[in-house]
């Protein structure tokens, strides 16, 4: 495996992990009766999972956006530069 392909995979993973966390949090929010999450108050009615769901739903969404707009383009740019420097041998 070459360095540029590893960097691209890490960039995609940086977006995929928060998205999966966000989706799991949404699924749990809809499955647990009485569970409600919003940006201002966090999650309530979820039992002992209130803080965890708030992190997954709200943090996962923000983390995925940040990774999609900053980390992934930076990883793609770095991989492209390394590919050019290596002469495209990979």
Protein backbone atom coordinates (compact mmCIF):
# COMPACT_ATOMS: atom_id res chain seq x y z
CA UNK A 1 0.00 0.00 0.00
CA UNK A 2 1.40 3.39 -0.98
CA UNK A 3 1.56 6.48 1.20
CA UNK A 4 -0.93 8.51 -0.90
CA UNK A 5 -3.54 5.76 -0.79
CA UNK A 6 -3.07 5.43 2.98
CA UNK A 7 -3.56 9.18 3.42
CA UNK A 8 -6.74 9.10 1.32
CA UNK A 9 -8.09 6.20 3.37
CA UNK A 10 -7.34 8.06 6.60
CA UNK A 11 -9.12 11.16 5.26
CA UNK A 12 -12.19 9.13 4.31
CA UNK A 13 -12.09 7.39 7.69
CA UNK A 14 -11.97 10.77 9.43
CA UNK A 15 -15.32 11.57 7.82
CA UNK A 16 -16.84 8.09 8.11
CA UNK A 17 -16.28 7.58 11.86
CA UNK A 18 -18.25 10.68 13.00
CA UNK A 19 -20.98 9.95 10.44
CA UNK A 20 -21.40 6.42 11.82
CA UNK A 21 -21.50 7.84 15.37
CA UNK A 22 -24.15 10.35 14.31
CA UNK A 23 -26.27 7.66 12.66
CA UNK A 24 -25.99 5.33 15.67
CA UNK A 25 -27.00 8.21 17.94
CA UNK A 26 -30.02 9.01 15.77
CA UNK A 27 -31.05 5.37 15.70
CA UNK A 28 -30.82 5.11 19.49
CA UNK A 29 -32.71 8.38 19.87
CA UNK A 30 -35.61 7.05 17.80
CA UNK A 31 -35.60 3.60 19.43
CA UNK A 32 -35.60 4.78 23.08
CA UNK A 33 -39.12 5.95 24.00
CA UNK A 34 -39.27 9.52 25.31
CA UNK A 35 -35.71 10.32 24.24
CA UNK A 36 -35.29 13.79 22.75
CA UNK A 37 -32.14 15.64 21.69
CA UNK A 38 -31.65 19.26 20.68
CA UNK A 39 -28.70 21.60 20.31
CA UNK A 40 -29.41 23.82 23.29
CA UNK A 41 -30.45 21.40 26.03
CA UNK A 42 -28.66 18.24 24.92
CA UNK A 43 -30.52 14.95 25.32
CA UNK A 44 -33.19 14.18 27.88
CA UNK A 45 -35.37 11.18 28.63
CA UNK A 46 -32.76 8.69 27.41
CA UNK A 47 -31.87 7.31 30.82
CA UNK A 48 -28.18 6.85 31.54
CA UNK A 49 -27.37 7.46 27.85
CA UNK A 50 -28.22 11.19 27.90
CA UNK A 51 -24.63 12.43 27.72
CA UNK A 52 -23.48 9.68 25.39
CA UNK A 53 -26.29 10.32 22.93
CA UNK A 54 -25.65 14.05 23.04
CA UNK A 55 -22.02 13.39 22.13
CA UNK A 56 -22.95 10.98 19.34
CA UNK A 57 -25.74 13.03 17.78
CA UNK A 58 -24.49 16.57 18.20
CA UNK A 59 -20.74 15.91 18.25
CA UNK A 60 -20.96 13.39 15.44
CA UNK A 61 -22.74 15.84 13.17
CA UNK A 62 -20.32 18.69 13.86
CA UNK A 63 -17.32 16.36 13.67
CA UNK A 64 -18.45 14.95 10.33
CA UNK A 65 -18.93 18.44 8.88
CA UNK A 66 -15.55 19.59 10.11
CA UNK A 67 -13.84 16.49 8.75
CA UNK A 68 -15.65 16.77 5.41
CA UNK A 69 -14.70 20.42 4.92
CA UNK A 70 -11.19 20.45 6.40
CA UNK A 71 -9.62 17.03 6.97
CA UNK A 72 -10.71 15.26 3.77
CA UNK A 73 -9.65 18.05 1.37
CA UNK A 74 -6.33 18.39 3.19
CA UNK A 75 -5.76 14.64 2.97
CA UNK A 76 -6.62 14.61 -0.73
CA UNK A 77 -4.29 17.55 -1.38
CA UNK A 78 -1.45 15.92 0.53
CA UNK A 79 -1.98 12.60 -1.25
CA UNK A 80 -1.97 14.39 -4.61
CA UNK A 81 1.26 16.19 -3.79
CA UNK A 82 2.92 12.96 -2.66
CA UNK A 83 1.72 11.23 -5.83
CA UNK A 84 3.26 13.99 -7.96
CA UNK A 85 6.53 13.90 -6.03
CA UNK A 86 6.80 10.14 -6.35
CA UNK A 87 6.36 10.47 -10.11
CA UNK A 88 3.05 8.61 -10.26
CA UNK A 89 4.69 5.20 -9.87
CA UNK A 90 1.84 3.85 -7.70
